[in-house]
C-alpha cells in the first residue's frame, strides 16, 4: 500500500510520519533534496542555488528525484510530496498508485500558536515547546545545555506567510484527492498518540 501524508507546517505531520516508518518506506522529498545538497552532487548544487534564491524546485525535477529514490520500493509513504496537482499527475503517469491520502487537519490559528512557542537548540537542533514540551531550565537545552531560540520561520508573521503559500498550493491537491475518494481527514488538534491511533485505524480499513 502506498500512501501520502499531508499537513500544514506545524500540523504534526513530521511526527506522525516518523511513527509510521516501521510500516512504510519514508519518502520525504525535503530529506531527499537535503541529502543531495549535503553530498555536494551536481544536482545538489543546482538545488541549493534554487532554494537559496527562495524558489521551489520545478515539479518535474522534484518528481524525478522522488521516483529515483523510491525505485523498486513497496509500501511507500510520501511525505511533503506531491505538493501540487502537477506533481500528483506526474506520479500517476509513472504508474505509482496511491491507495490512501491522510490529511492531518489543524486550524491556522492553532498552527500559529504552536510554532510561535516552539524553541530550537542552536547546538544540537533539539526542539522544545513553551507549553507542551518545555525545557527543564528556561532557555537551555536539556540535552547539550545549548541556548534555545525561536527560528525566524517560526515567528508569527512568517508562519502566516508559510500558511498562505501552503493553503494556496495544497488546497487544490486536497480537493483533487477528495474527488478521487481516497482522502481521509484526521483531527490534528489532539494528543500525538491519539492522532497516530486514528491514522492506524484508517490504514487498517484498506
Protein backbone atom coordinates (compact mmCIF):
# COMPACT_ATOMS: atom_id res chain seq x y z
CA UNK A 1 0.00 0.00 0.00
CA UNK A 2 1.29 3.45 -0.96
CA UNK A 3 0.09 6.48 1.00
CA UNK A 4 0.56 10.23 1.11
CA UNK A 5 0.63 12.15 4.38
CA UNK A 6 -0.37 15.82 4.13
CA UNK A 7 -0.40 18.59 6.68
CA UNK A 8 0.39 22.26 7.15
CA UNK A 9 3.69 23.37 8.69
CA UNK A 10 3.33 22.68 12.42
CA UNK A 11 0.46 20.21 11.99
CA UNK A 12 2.49 17.36 13.45
CA UNK A 13 2.84 15.67 10.06
CA UNK A 14 6.56 15.00 10.56
CA UNK A 15 5.99 13.38 13.96
CA UNK A 16 3.29 11.11 12.58
CA UNK A 17 5.45 10.20 9.57
CA UNK A 18 8.23 9.09 11.93
CA UNK A 19 5.77 6.92 13.87
CA UNK A 20 4.68 5.25 10.63
CA UNK A 21 8.22 4.49 9.44
CA UNK A 22 8.09 0.93 10.80
CA UNK A 23 5.25 0.22 8.39
CA UNK A 24 6.40 2.18 5.31
CA UNK A 25 9.41 3.37 3.37
CA UNK A 26 9.53 7.05 4.30
CA UNK A 27 9.85 9.07 1.10
CA UNK A 28 10.42 12.65 2.24
CA UNK A 29 11.03 14.99 -0.69
CA UNK A 30 12.68 17.51 1.66
CA UNK A 31 15.05 14.87 3.06
CA UNK A 32 15.98 13.71 -0.45
CA UNK A 33 16.77 17.26 -1.53
CA UNK A 34 18.81 17.99 1.62
CA UNK A 35 20.72 14.73 1.10
CA UNK A 36 21.78 15.78 -2.41
CA UNK A 37 22.76 19.25 -1.18
CA UNK A 38 24.80 17.79 1.71
CA UNK A 39 26.64 15.39 -0.60
CA UNK A 40 27.51 18.27 -2.91
CA UNK A 41 26.41 16.39 -6.01
CA UNK A 42 25.86 18.34 -9.25
CA UNK A 43 22.11 18.06 -8.64
CA UNK A 44 22.58 19.12 -5.03
CA UNK A 45 24.47 22.24 -6.06
CA UNK A 46 21.73 23.11 -8.50
CA UNK A 47 19.02 22.51 -5.87
CA UNK A 48 20.88 24.61 -3.33
CA UNK A 49 21.13 27.53 -5.76
CA UNK A 50 17.39 27.41 -6.49
CA UNK A 51 16.42 27.12 -2.82
CA UNK A 52 18.87 29.85 -1.74
CA UNK A 53 17.05 32.24 -4.07
CA UNK A 54 13.81 31.47 -2.28
CA UNK A 55 12.34 29.45 -5.12
CA UNK A 56 10.77 25.98 -5.23
CA UNK A 57 12.16 23.22 -7.41
CA UNK A 58 10.23 22.67 -10.66
CA UNK A 59 7.57 19.96 -10.46
CA UNK A 60 9.34 17.69 -12.96
CA UNK A 61 12.66 17.87 -11.08
CA UNK A 62 11.15 17.08 -7.70
CA UNK A 63 9.16 14.20 -9.16
CA UNK A 64 12.22 12.82 -10.95
CA UNK A 65 14.23 12.86 -7.71
CA UNK A 66 11.46 11.18 -5.69
CA UNK A 67 10.98 8.49 -8.34
CA UNK A 68 14.73 7.82 -8.38
CA UNK A 69 14.87 7.41 -4.60
CA UNK A 70 11.78 5.18 -4.43
CA UNK A 71 12.52 2.94 -7.43
CA UNK A 72 11.71 -0.69 -6.66
CA UNK A 73 10.22 0.16 -3.25
CA UNK A 74 6.89 -1.08 -1.94
CA UNK A 75 4.70 0.33 0.84
CA UNK A 76 5.82 3.91 0.29
CA UNK A 77 4.77 6.83 2.49
CA UNK A 78 5.17 10.07 0.52
CA UNK A 79 5.85 12.99 2.86
CA UNK A 80 5.96 16.55 1.53
CA UNK A 81 5.23 15.22 -1.94
CA UNK A 82 3.28 15.76 -4.06
CA UNK A 83 2.72 19.43 -3.25
CA UNK A 84 0.91 20.34 -6.45
CA UNK A 85 -1.62 18.69 -8.76
CA UNK A 86 1.04 18.65 -11.48
CA UNK A 87 3.29 16.53 -9.25
CA UNK A 88 0.37 14.22 -8.45
CA UNK A 89 -0.34 13.73 -12.14
CA UNK A 90 3.34 13.06 -12.89
CA UNK A 91 3.33 10.41 -10.16
CA UNK A 92 0.35 8.71 -11.76
CA UNK A 93 1.94 8.86 -15.23
CA UNK A 94 4.87 6.92 -13.76
CA UNK A 95 2.47 4.18 -12.62
CA UNK A 96 2.68 4.94 -8.88
CA UNK A 97 -0.73 4.09 -7.43
CA UNK A 98 -1.74 5.96 -4.30
CA UNK A 99 -4.14 4.00 -2.09
CA UNK A 100 -4.83 6.50 0.69
CA UNK A 101 -4.09 10.15 1.42
CA UNK A 102 -4.01 11.13 5.11
CA UNK A 103 -4.64 14.82 5.72
CA UNK A 104 -3.82 15.99 9.25
CA UNK A 105 -6.15 18.95 9.65
CA UNK A 106 -5.32 21.74 12.11
CA UNK A 107 -6.77 25.31 12.13
CA UNK A 108 -4.37 28.09 11.13
CA UNK A 109 -4.72 29.87 14.50
CA UNK A 110 -3.60 26.69 16.30
CA UNK A 111 -0.62 26.32 13.94
CA UNK A 112 0.47 29.92 14.60
CA UNK A 113 0.22 29.38 18.37
CA UNK A 114 2.16 26.12 18.18
CA UNK A 115 5.03 27.36 16.06
CA UNK A 116 5.42 30.75 17.74
CA UNK A 117 6.04 28.91 21.03
CA UNK A 118 8.50 26.42 19.54
CA UNK A 119 12.17 26.73 20.55
CA UNK A 120 15.17 25.12 18.88
CA UNK A 121 18.63 24.42 20.33
CA UNK A 122 21.33 26.33 18.45
CA UNK A 123 23.82 23.50 19.07
CA UNK A 124 22.10 20.12 18.65
CA UNK A 125 18.85 21.17 16.97
CA UNK A 126 16.57 19.64 19.64
CA UNK A 127 13.08 21.13 19.61
CA UNK A 128 11.08 22.22 22.67
CA UNK A 129 7.75 23.96 23.20
CA UNK A 130 6.94 26.55 25.83
CA UNK A 131 3.77 24.77 26.96
CA UNK A 132 3.70 21.23 25.50
CA UNK A 133 7.35 20.27 25.94
CA UNK A 134 9.21 22.96 27.91
CA UNK A 135 12.91 22.60 28.81
CA UNK A 136 13.81 21.87 32.43
CA UNK A 137 15.65 25.18 32.60
CA UNK A 138 14.26 28.18 30.74
CA UNK A 139 16.16 28.92 27.53
CA UNK A 140 18.56 25.98 27.97
CA UNK A 141 18.59 22.67 26.08
CA UNK A 142 18.03 19.59 28.27
CA UNK A 143 20.48 17.54 26.20
CA UNK A 144 23.54 19.67 25.43
CA UNK A 145 22.92 22.83 27.51
CA UNK A 146 22.87 24.87 24.31
CA UNK A 147 20.92 28.10 24.01
CA UNK A 148 17.33 27.87 22.80
CA UNK A 149 15.95 30.32 20.26
CA UNK A 150 12.86 30.86 18.10
CA UNK A 151 13.66 30.22 14.44
CA UNK A 152 12.87 33.06 12.06
CA UNK A 153 10.45 30.84 10.14
CA UNK A 154 8.57 30.11 13.38
CA UNK A 155 7.79 33.76 14.09
CA UNK A 156 4.07 34.62 13.74
CA UNK A 157 4.32 36.88 10.67
CA UNK A 158 6.49 34.34 8.82
CA UNK A 159 4.24 31.44 9.87
CA UNK A 160 1.22 33.30 8.47
CA UNK A 161 3.02 33.68 5.13
CA UNK A 162 4.03 29.99 5.11
CA UNK A 163 0.41 29.03 5.75
CA UNK A 164 -0.80 31.36 2.99
CA UNK A 165 1.54 29.69 0.50
CA UNK A 166 0.65 26.20 1.72
CA UNK A 167 -3.09 26.86 1.53
CA UNK A 168 -2.73 28.30 -1.98
CA UNK A 169 -0.58 25.42 -3.26
CA UNK A 170 -2.04 22.46 -1.43
CA UNK A 171 -5.79 23.11 -1.13
CA UNK A 172 -6.31 22.20 -4.81
CA UNK A 173 -4.33 18.99 -4.18
CA UNK A 174 -6.54 18.10 -1.19
CA UNK A 175 -9.64 18.67 -3.33
CA UNK A 176 -8.06 16.60 -6.12
CA UNK A 177 -7.66 13.55 -3.88
CA UNK A 178 -11.04 14.11 -2.25
CA UNK A 179 -12.66 13.81 -5.68
CA UNK A 180 -10.82 10.52 -6.14
CA UNK A 181 -12.36 9.40 -2.82
CA UNK A 182 -9.03 8.40 -1.28
CA UNK A 183 -8.61 11.40 1.07
CA UNK A 184 -9.05 10.79 4.80
CA UNK A 185 -9.05 13.72 7.25
CA UNK A 186 -7.61 13.32 10.74
CA UNK A 187 -8.11 15.84 13.55
CA UNK A 188 -4.57 17.04 14.28
CA UNK A 189 -5.62 19.06 17.32
CA UNK A 190 -5.33 16.03 19.62
CA UNK A 191 -2.58 14.25 21.52
CA UNK A 192 0.12 12.63 19.36
CA UNK A 193 -0.79 9.07 20.39
CA UNK A 194 -4.49 9.67 19.66
CA UNK A 195 -3.73 11.04 16.19
CA UNK A 196 -1.49 8.05 15.50
CA UNK A 197 -4.22 5.66 16.61
CA UNK A 198 -6.73 7.39 14.30
CA UNK A 199 -4.33 7.06 11.34
CA UNK A 200 -3.70 3.38 12.03
CA UNK A 201 -7.47 2.76 12.06
CA UNK A 202 -7.74 4.35 8.61
CA UNK A 203 -4.85 2.33 7.23
CA UNK A 204 -6.22 -0.94 8.60
CA UNK A 205 -9.54 -0.32 6.87
CA UNK A 206 -7.85 -0.81 3.48
